[in-house]
C-alpha cells in the first residue's frame, strides 16, 4: 500500500469510497489518513476523480429494505452472528460516510483540522470493521453471509449538498445512536459468555464518543459562523432531512460528554410529550 499513488486527500478518500474490495477500501482509508496526518498529501488536486454517488461494494451481502432484516436473540450463536453481521455493515458504511464528508466537502471553507478529525474517524471506522469481521470469522461466519439494509447510506445521501445537514444526520443522529445502544449490547454479550465480542463493542463505544464529539464540534462551528442557534438549527435540519423520530432511551451522559446536550434532541423524540 505504501507504493500506491494517492494524488491528494480527496483522491485517496474517493478511491477508498469507490473500492469494491473491502480489504483495499479499509487499507486505502487508513493509508490516506496516515499520509494526511503526516502532511504528505495536499487536500485536493485538479486531477481528483469525481466522488461516486454510491460506495463500492462486493457482490454480497444482498441489500434489502430495513424491515426485511431478521432480528434474532443474541443469547444464541446464530443470533450473535447476526448482530455482529449487522454491526459490521454499520461500520463499513461508517467508513464510507467519514470518507464522503472529506471527499464531497473538500472545497468547503473550513480549517484543515476539520479534515484531520474526519480522517481520524475514517481510520477508526476501518479498524472497527476489521475487528468485527475478525470476530465473525472466529465464530465461523463472514461479512456477506446474510442480507443487510441500505438505510444508512440513503439517510446520508439526502444531505450530499449541505455540510451542516450532513453533520446533523451522520454524527449527531446515526453515530449518537451507537452511544445509546452499545452499552446494553455489551452487557448482553457478557451475559452470554462472549467476552471477545463484548470487548470489541467496548473499543467501538469508546471511539464513537470521539466521533460524535468531532461532529458536534464542527456542527457548532458552522452554526457560529452563520450566527445560528445550534440546537434549533439541528432540529430544523433533522425535520427536513431525516425520516422518523429519534428513539429513546438516550445515553444523555455520553451524548453530553460529546457536546450533544438534551436541548438538541429531546423535542424530536417519540416520547417528548410523555
Foldseek 3Di string as FASTA:
>chain_A
DVPDDQAALLQLLQVLQADAPLVVNLVSLQVSLVCVVVVVGHLDDPPRDDRDLHGHHDPFDAADAQVPQDADDCLDLVNVLSVLLQVLVVLSVQLSLLSLLSNLCSVPPDDVVLNNLSSVSNNVSSVLSVLSQVVSVVSVHGHRPYYYHDVVSVLQSLCSPPSLLNLLRPLVAVLQVLLAPLVVVLVSCVVSVNNSVSVSSVSSNVVSLSVSLSSLVVNVVVCVVVVHDSLVVSVVSCVVRPPDAREDDGPQVSCVSSVRHCSNHLVRYPVNPD
